Amino acid sequence: MDTLVNDDESLIASSANLAKLPAGQYSVELWQTTDTGVVVYPSNGQAIITLMPSIN
């Protein structure tokens, strides 16, 4: 899924990007396309995010 990045390099996260995923833990990578190629973050391993169930 595409995610936008602010000028200060922070991510613009939208709940719409995650709405169809069930609650749980996910391993994630950020792939940034640059003029010289693709950079993957983190460079070693993966980051973990936890999605909590909605209270609605």
Protein backbone atom coordinates (compact mmCIF):
# COMPACT_ATOMS: atom_id res chain seq x y z
CA MET A 1 0.00 0.00 0.00
CA ASP A 2 1.27 3.48 -0.76
CA THR A 3 2.04 5.87 2.10
CA LEU A 4 2.93 9.53 1.75
CA VAL A 5 5.95 11.14 3.43
CA ASN A 6 6.11 14.69 4.86
CA ASP A 7 8.99 17.08 4.09
CA ASP A 8 10.50 16.21 7.50
CA GLU A 9 10.44 12.53 6.42
CA SER A 10 7.69 11.52 8.87
CA LEU A 11 4.99 9.22 7.49
CA ILE A 12 1.47 10.33 6.70
CA ALA A 13 -0.57 7.40 7.98
CA SER A 14 -4.21 7.04 7.11
CA SER A 15 -6.64 4.66 8.72
CA ALA A 16 -8.03 4.10 5.21
CA ASN A 17 -4.74 2.35 4.33
CA LEU A 18 -5.25 -0.11 7.20
CA ALA A 19 -9.05 -0.39 7.36
CA LYS A 20 -9.30 -3.86 5.83
CA LEU A 21 -6.61 -5.42 8.03
CA PRO A 22 -7.71 -7.34 11.13
CA ALA A 23 -6.32 -6.36 14.54
CA GLY A 24 -2.95 -7.92 15.30
CA GLN A 25 0.79 -7.46 14.88
CA TYR A 26 2.34 -6.87 11.48
CA SER A 27 5.92 -6.83 10.27
CA VAL A 28 6.47 -3.82 8.01
CA GLU A 29 9.10 -2.33 5.74
CA LEU A 30 9.17 1.11 4.17
CA TRP A 31 10.31 1.16 0.54
CA GLN A 32 11.32 4.65 -0.57
CA THR A 33 11.75 5.33 -4.28
CA THR A 34 14.50 7.88 -4.94
CA ASP A 35 16.19 9.25 -8.06
CA THR A 36 18.93 6.63 -7.62
CA GLY A 37 16.81 3.59 -6.82
CA VAL A 38 14.89 2.09 -3.91
CA VAL A 39 15.89 2.33 -0.24
CA VAL A 40 14.35 -0.12 2.29
CA TYR A 41 13.86 0.79 5.97
CA PRO A 42 14.74 -0.66 8.37
CA SER A 43 17.87 -1.82 6.57
CA ASN A 44 18.12 -4.93 8.77
CA GLY A 45 15.03 -6.87 9.83
CA GLN A 46 11.53 -5.44 10.00
CA ALA A 47 9.61 -3.01 12.15
CA ILE A 48 6.55 -4.29 14.04
CA ILE A 49 3.26 -2.39 14.26
CA THR A 50 0.25 -3.41 16.33
CA LEU A 51 -3.29 -2.67 15.12
CA MET A 52 -5.85 -2.55 17.91
CA PRO A 53 -9.54 -3.39 17.34
CA SER A 54 -11.87 -0.44 16.83
CA ILE A 55 -14.15 0.59 19.68
CA ASN A 56 -16.86 1.67 17.23
